[in-house]
Amino acid sequence: QMSPDDMAKQLKDHGSFIPGLRPGPRTAEYLQTVLGRITYVGAGFLAIIAVIPTLVTQAMGIPFQVSQFLGGTGLLIVVSVGLDLIQRLEANLVMRNYEGFLGQGGDARGSRMRSARG
């Protein structure tokens, strides 16, 4: 759970700031406002995702059992697993690029460049 006061303190401790805001209580107030907006938008999005499949299946005359199988909850699970998979793949690719850059394995381009130099 994110606390705006803790986040503002961490920003201040690290010497960071949000442009146009002084570090401290004003930053915490701004972060509280932003987190509130994000929370309401996210809640609205989840409500829409949960309701739309039911409305669509009723409009199309699809049986209740099929609509429950293809409903909003299943869709949310599939999307979240897909996003997590994409993040893990991107992290793996970034690590592979760093290993090649540092000359510590795995990257064919790095080994060719080392053999051409030496």
N, C-alpha and C. Protein backbone atom coordinates (compact mmCIF):
# COMPACT_ATOMS: atom_id res chain seq x y z
N GLN A 1 0.84 -1.17 0.00
CA GLN A 1 0.00 0.00 0.00
C GLN A 1 0.89 1.24 0.00
N MET A 2 0.53 2.21 -0.82
CA MET A 2 1.34 3.41 -0.95
C MET A 2 0.79 4.52 -0.06
N SER A 3 1.66 5.09 0.72
CA SER A 3 1.29 6.22 1.57
C SER A 3 1.89 7.49 0.96
N PRO A 4 1.07 8.48 0.65
CA PRO A 4 1.60 9.72 0.07
C PRO A 4 2.64 10.39 0.96
N ASP A 5 2.45 10.31 2.28
CA ASP A 5 3.43 10.93 3.19
C ASP A 5 4.78 10.23 3.09
N ASP A 6 4.77 8.88 3.04
CA ASP A 6 6.02 8.13 2.91
C ASP A 6 6.69 8.41 1.57
N MET A 7 5.88 8.46 0.51
CA MET A 7 6.44 8.74 -0.81
C MET A 7 7.06 10.13 -0.86
N ALA A 8 6.39 11.11 -0.27
CA ALA A 8 6.93 12.48 -0.25
C ALA A 8 8.23 12.53 0.56
N LYS A 9 8.27 11.80 1.67
CA LYS A 9 9.48 11.76 2.49
C LYS A 9 10.64 11.11 1.73
N GLN A 10 10.35 10.01 1.01
CA GLN A 10 11.40 9.35 0.23
C GLN A 10 11.92 10.27 -0.86
N LEU A 11 11.03 10.97 -1.54
CA LEU A 11 11.47 11.92 -2.56
C LEU A 11 12.39 12.98 -1.96
N LYS A 12 11.99 13.51 -0.80
CA LYS A 12 12.78 14.54 -0.14
C LYS A 12 14.13 14.00 0.31
N ASP A 13 14.15 12.78 0.87
CA ASP A 13 15.40 12.17 1.34
C ASP A 13 16.38 11.92 0.20
N HIS A 14 15.86 11.61 -0.99
CA HIS A 14 16.73 11.32 -2.13
C HIS A 14 17.06 12.57 -2.94
N GLY A 15 16.58 13.71 -2.49
CA GLY A 15 16.88 14.95 -3.19
C GLY A 15 16.04 15.16 -4.44
N SER A 16 14.96 14.40 -4.58
CA SER A 16 14.09 14.53 -5.74
C SER A 16 12.91 15.43 -5.39
N PHE A 17 12.23 15.88 -6.42
CA PHE A 17 11.04 16.70 -6.20
C PHE A 17 10.17 16.62 -7.44
N ILE A 18 8.94 17.04 -7.27
CA ILE A 18 8.01 17.14 -8.39
C ILE A 18 8.06 18.58 -8.86
N PRO A 19 8.34 18.80 -10.15
CA PRO A 19 8.45 20.18 -10.65
C PRO A 19 7.21 21.01 -10.31
N GLY A 20 7.45 22.19 -9.77
CA GLY A 20 6.37 23.09 -9.42
C GLY A 20 5.86 22.92 -8.00
N LEU A 21 6.37 21.94 -7.26
CA LEU A 21 5.93 21.70 -5.88
C LEU A 21 7.14 21.68 -4.96
N ARG A 22 6.96 22.24 -3.79
CA ARG A 22 8.02 22.18 -2.79
C ARG A 22 7.99 20.80 -2.13
N PRO A 23 9.16 20.26 -1.80
CA PRO A 23 9.18 18.98 -1.08
C PRO A 23 8.50 19.13 0.28
N GLY A 24 7.83 18.08 0.72
CA GLY A 24 7.18 18.11 2.03
C GLY A 24 5.68 17.93 1.93
N PRO A 25 4.94 18.66 2.76
CA PRO A 25 3.48 18.47 2.83
C PRO A 25 2.75 18.75 1.52
N ARG A 26 3.21 19.75 0.76
CA ARG A 26 2.53 20.03 -0.53
C ARG A 26 2.69 18.87 -1.49
N THR A 27 3.86 18.23 -1.48
CA THR A 27 4.07 17.06 -2.33
C THR A 27 3.16 15.93 -1.89
N ALA A 28 3.03 15.71 -0.60
CA ALA A 28 2.15 14.65 -0.09
C ALA A 28 0.70 14.90 -0.48
N GLU A 29 0.26 16.16 -0.41
CA GLU A 29 -1.11 16.49 -0.82
C GLU A 29 -1.32 16.22 -2.31
N TYR A 30 -0.34 16.60 -3.12
CA TYR A 30 -0.43 16.36 -4.56
C TYR A 30 -0.49 14.86 -4.85
N LEU A 31 0.38 14.09 -4.20
CA LEU A 31 0.39 12.65 -4.41
C LEU A 31 -0.93 12.02 -3.97
N GLN A 32 -1.51 12.51 -2.87
CA GLN A 32 -2.80 12.01 -2.41
C GLN A 32 -3.88 12.27 -3.46
N THR A 33 -3.86 13.45 -4.07
CA THR A 33 -4.83 13.79 -5.11
C THR A 33 -4.67 12.88 -6.32
N VAL A 34 -3.42 12.69 -6.75
CA VAL A 34 -3.16 11.85 -7.92
C VAL A 34 -3.56 10.40 -7.65
N LEU A 35 -3.21 9.88 -6.47
CA LEU A 35 -3.58 8.51 -6.14
C LEU A 35 -5.10 8.34 -6.08
N GLY A 36 -5.79 9.35 -5.57
CA GLY A 36 -7.26 9.29 -5.54
C GLY A 36 -7.84 9.22 -6.94
N ARG A 37 -7.32 10.04 -7.84
CA ARG A 37 -7.81 10.03 -9.22
C ARG A 37 -7.55 8.68 -9.88
N ILE A 38 -6.34 8.16 -9.69
CA ILE A 38 -6.00 6.86 -10.28
C ILE A 38 -6.90 5.77 -9.73
N THR A 39 -7.18 5.82 -8.43
CA THR A 39 -8.03 4.81 -7.81
C THR A 39 -9.44 4.85 -8.39
N TYR A 40 -10.01 6.04 -8.53
CA TYR A 40 -11.37 6.15 -9.06
C TYR A 40 -11.44 5.72 -10.53
N VAL A 41 -10.46 6.11 -11.31
CA VAL A 41 -10.44 5.70 -12.72
C VAL A 41 -10.30 4.18 -12.81
N GLY A 42 -9.41 3.60 -12.01
CA GLY A 42 -9.23 2.15 -12.02
C GLY A 42 -10.49 1.42 -11.58
N ALA A 43 -11.17 1.94 -10.56
CA ALA A 43 -12.40 1.31 -10.09
C ALA A 43 -13.48 1.38 -11.17
N GLY A 44 -13.57 2.50 -11.84
CA GLY A 44 -14.54 2.63 -12.93
C GLY A 44 -14.24 1.67 -14.06
N PHE A 45 -12.97 1.54 -14.40
CA PHE A 45 -12.57 0.62 -15.46
C PHE A 45 -12.92 -0.82 -15.09
N LEU A 46 -12.64 -1.21 -13.85
CA LEU A 46 -12.97 -2.57 -13.41
C LEU A 46 -14.48 -2.81 -13.43
N ALA A 47 -15.25 -1.81 -13.05
CA ALA A 47 -16.71 -1.95 -13.09
C ALA A 47 -17.19 -2.15 -14.53
N ILE A 48 -16.63 -1.39 -15.45
CA ILE A 48 -17.01 -1.53 -16.86
C ILE A 48 -16.63 -2.92 -17.37
N ILE A 49 -15.42 -3.38 -17.04
CA ILE A 49 -14.97 -4.70 -17.47
C ILE A 49 -15.89 -5.79 -16.91
N ALA A 50 -16.38 -5.60 -15.69
CA ALA A 50 -17.24 -6.60 -15.07
C ALA A 50 -18.65 -6.60 -15.65
N VAL A 51 -19.15 -5.44 -16.06
CA VAL A 51 -20.54 -5.33 -16.50
C VAL A 51 -20.71 -5.58 -18.00
N ILE A 52 -19.78 -5.14 -18.81
CA ILE A 52 -19.94 -5.23 -20.27
C ILE A 52 -20.16 -6.67 -20.76
N PRO A 53 -19.38 -7.66 -20.31
CA PRO A 53 -19.65 -9.02 -20.80
C PRO A 53 -21.08 -9.49 -20.50
N THR A 54 -21.62 -9.13 -19.35
CA THR A 54 -22.98 -9.52 -19.01
C THR A 54 -23.98 -8.84 -19.95
N LEU A 55 -23.80 -7.55 -20.19
CA LEU A 55 -24.71 -6.83 -21.08
C LEU A 55 -24.64 -7.37 -22.51
N VAL A 56 -23.44 -7.66 -22.97
CA VAL A 56 -23.27 -8.17 -24.34
C VAL A 56 -23.90 -9.54 -24.48
N THR A 57 -23.69 -10.42 -23.50
CA THR A 57 -24.28 -11.76 -23.60
C THR A 57 -25.80 -11.72 -23.52
N GLN A 58 -26.36 -10.80 -22.73
CA GLN A 58 -27.82 -10.67 -22.67
C GLN A 58 -28.36 -10.13 -23.99
N ALA A 59 -27.67 -9.18 -24.57
CA ALA A 59 -28.11 -8.59 -25.84
C ALA A 59 -28.04 -9.60 -26.98
N MET A 60 -27.07 -10.50 -26.91
CA MET A 60 -26.89 -11.49 -27.97
C MET A 60 -27.65 -12.79 -27.70
N GLY A 61 -28.25 -12.91 -26.53
CA GLY A 61 -29.01 -14.12 -26.22
C GLY A 61 -28.14 -15.33 -25.92
N ILE A 62 -26.96 -15.12 -25.41
CA ILE A 62 -26.06 -16.23 -25.07
C ILE A 62 -26.47 -16.79 -23.72
N PRO A 63 -26.47 -18.13 -23.56
CA PRO A 63 -26.87 -18.73 -22.28
C PRO A 63 -26.01 -18.26 -21.10
N PHE A 64 -26.60 -18.31 -19.89
CA PHE A 64 -25.96 -17.82 -18.68
C PHE A 64 -24.64 -18.54 -18.40
N GLN A 65 -24.59 -19.87 -18.61
CA GLN A 65 -23.38 -20.64 -18.31
C GLN A 65 -22.21 -20.18 -19.19
N VAL A 66 -22.49 -19.91 -20.43
CA VAL A 66 -21.44 -19.45 -21.34
C VAL A 66 -20.98 -18.04 -20.94
N SER A 67 -21.91 -17.20 -20.56
CA SER A 67 -21.54 -15.83 -20.18
C SER A 67 -20.71 -15.83 -18.90
N GLN A 68 -20.99 -16.73 -17.98
CA GLN A 68 -20.18 -16.82 -16.76
C GLN A 68 -18.77 -17.30 -17.09
N PHE A 69 -18.64 -18.22 -18.02
CA PHE A 69 -17.33 -18.73 -18.42
C PHE A 69 -16.50 -17.64 -19.09
N LEU A 70 -17.15 -16.82 -19.89
CA LEU A 70 -16.45 -15.76 -20.63
C LEU A 70 -16.62 -14.40 -19.96
N GLY A 71 -17.00 -14.37 -18.69
CA GLY A 71 -17.32 -13.12 -18.00
C GLY A 71 -16.11 -12.27 -17.68
N GLY A 72 -16.37 -11.18 -16.96
CA GLY A 72 -15.35 -10.18 -16.65
C GLY A 72 -14.22 -10.70 -15.79
N THR A 73 -14.52 -11.58 -14.82
CA THR A 73 -13.48 -12.07 -13.92
C THR A 73 -12.43 -12.87 -14.69
N GLY A 74 -12.87 -13.76 -15.54
CA GLY A 74 -11.93 -14.54 -16.34
C GLY A 74 -11.11 -13.65 -17.25
N LEU A 75 -11.75 -12.65 -17.81
CA LEU A 75 -11.04 -11.71 -18.68
C LEU A 75 -9.97 -10.95 -17.92
N LEU A 76 -10.30 -10.51 -16.70
CA LEU A 76 -9.31 -9.81 -15.87
C LEU A 76 -8.12 -10.70 -15.55
N ILE A 77 -8.38 -11.96 -15.23
CA ILE A 77 -7.29 -12.89 -14.91
C ILE A 77 -6.40 -13.09 -16.12
N VAL A 78 -6.99 -13.32 -17.28
CA VAL A 78 -6.20 -13.54 -18.49
C VAL A 78 -5.35 -12.31 -18.82
N VAL A 79 -5.94 -11.14 -18.72
CA VAL A 79 -5.20 -9.91 -19.03
C VAL A 79 -4.06 -9.69 -18.04
N SER A 80 -4.32 -9.91 -16.75
CA SER A 80 -3.26 -9.68 -15.75
C SER A 80 -2.12 -10.68 -15.92
N VAL A 81 -2.42 -11.93 -16.23
CA VAL A 81 -1.36 -12.91 -16.47
C VAL A 81 -0.57 -12.54 -17.72
N GLY A 82 -1.26 -12.09 -18.75
CA GLY A 82 -0.58 -11.67 -19.97
C GLY A 82 0.34 -10.48 -19.74
N LEU A 83 -0.13 -9.49 -18.99
CA LEU A 83 0.72 -8.32 -18.69
C LEU A 83 1.93 -8.71 -17.86
N ASP A 84 1.74 -9.61 -16.90
CA ASP A 84 2.86 -10.07 -16.08
C ASP A 84 3.89 -10.80 -16.94
N LEU A 85 3.41 -11.62 -17.86
CA LEU A 85 4.31 -12.35 -18.76
C LEU A 85 5.11 -11.37 -19.63
N ILE A 86 4.45 -10.35 -20.14
CA ILE A 86 5.15 -9.35 -20.97
C ILE A 86 6.22 -8.63 -20.16
N GLN A 87 5.90 -8.25 -18.91
CA GLN A 87 6.89 -7.57 -18.07
C GLN A 87 8.10 -8.46 -17.81
N ARG A 88 7.86 -9.74 -17.55
CA ARG A 88 8.97 -10.66 -17.30
C ARG A 88 9.83 -10.84 -18.54
N LEU A 89 9.19 -10.95 -19.70
CA LEU A 89 9.96 -11.09 -20.94
C LEU A 89 10.80 -9.84 -21.22
N GLU A 90 10.21 -8.66 -21.01
CA GLU A 90 10.97 -7.43 -21.22
C GLU A 90 12.15 -7.33 -20.26
N ALA A 91 11.95 -7.72 -19.01
CA ALA A 91 13.05 -7.69 -18.03
C ALA A 91 14.15 -8.65 -18.45
N ASN A 92 13.76 -9.81 -18.95
CA ASN A 92 14.74 -10.80 -19.40
C ASN A 92 15.54 -10.26 -20.59
N LEU A 93 14.85 -9.61 -21.53
CA LEU A 93 15.55 -9.06 -22.69
C LEU A 93 16.50 -7.93 -22.29
N VAL A 94 16.08 -7.10 -21.35
CA VAL A 94 16.95 -6.02 -20.87
C VAL A 94 18.19 -6.60 -20.22
N MET A 95 18.03 -7.63 -19.39
CA MET A 95 19.18 -8.25 -18.74
C MET A 95 20.12 -8.87 -19.78
N ARG A 96 19.56 -9.47 -20.80
CA ARG A 96 20.39 -10.06 -21.85
C ARG A 96 21.19 -8.98 -22.56
N ASN A 97 20.57 -7.84 -22.82
CA ASN A 97 21.29 -6.74 -23.46
C ASN A 97 22.40 -6.21 -22.57
N TYR A 98 22.15 -6.09 -21.27
CA TYR A 98 23.19 -5.64 -20.36
C TYR A 98 24.34 -6.63 -20.29
N GLU A 99 24.03 -7.93 -20.31
CA GLU A 99 25.10 -8.93 -20.28
C GLU A 99 25.95 -8.82 -21.53
N GLY A 100 25.32 -8.61 -22.69
CA GLY A 100 26.07 -8.45 -23.93
C GLY A 100 26.91 -7.19 -23.92
N PHE A 101 26.38 -6.13 -23.36
CA PHE A 101 27.10 -4.87 -23.28
C PHE A 101 28.32 -4.99 -22.39
N LEU A 102 28.18 -5.73 -21.30
CA LEU A 102 29.29 -5.89 -20.37
C LEU A 102 30.25 -7.00 -20.78
N GLY A 103 29.89 -7.75 -21.83
CA GLY A 103 30.76 -8.82 -22.30
C GLY A 103 30.76 -10.04 -21.40
N GLN A 104 29.60 -10.33 -20.79
CA GLN A 104 29.54 -11.44 -19.86
C GLN A 104 28.66 -12.57 -20.36
N GLY A 105 28.49 -12.73 -21.62
CA GLY A 105 27.82 -13.92 -22.08
C GLY A 105 26.61 -13.69 -22.95
N GLY A 106 26.17 -14.79 -23.55
CA GLY A 106 24.92 -14.91 -24.21
C GLY A 106 24.72 -14.16 -25.51
N ASP A 107 25.35 -13.07 -25.74
CA ASP A 107 25.05 -12.26 -26.90
C ASP A 107 26.07 -12.54 -28.00
N ALA A 108 25.60 -12.97 -29.16
CA ALA A 108 26.49 -13.34 -30.25
C ALA A 108 27.26 -12.13 -30.78
N ARG A 109 26.62 -10.98 -30.81
CA ARG A 109 27.31 -9.79 -31.32
C ARG A 109 28.53 -9.45 -30.46
N GLY A 110 28.38 -9.59 -29.15
CA GLY A 110 29.49 -9.28 -28.25
C GLY A 110 30.67 -10.21 -28.48
N SER A 111 30.40 -11.50 -28.73
CA SER A 111 31.50 -12.44 -28.93
C SER A 111 32.18 -12.19 -30.26
N ARG A 112 31.43 -11.79 -31.30
CA ARG A 112 32.05 -11.49 -32.59
C ARG A 112 32.95 -10.27 -32.48
N MET A 113 32.49 -9.28 -31.74
CA MET A 113 33.29 -8.07 -31.60
C MET A 113 34.57 -8.36 -30.82
N ARG A 114 34.48 -9.22 -29.81
CA ARG A 114 35.69 -9.56 -29.05
C ARG A 114 36.67 -10.33 -29.93
N SER A 115 36.15 -11.25 -30.77
CA SER A 115 37.06 -12.04 -31.60
C SER A 115 37.67 -11.18 -32.71
N ALA A 116 36.95 -10.18 -33.21
CA ALA A 116 37.47 -9.31 -34.26
C ALA A 116 38.58 -8.41 -33.72
N ARG A 117 38.44 -8.00 -32.45
CA ARG A 117 39.46 -7.14 -31.86
C ARG A 117 40.71 -7.92 -31.52
N GLY A 118 40.51 -9.13 -31.13
CA GLY A 118 41.66 -9.71 -30.54
C GLY A 118 42.17 -10.96 -31.04
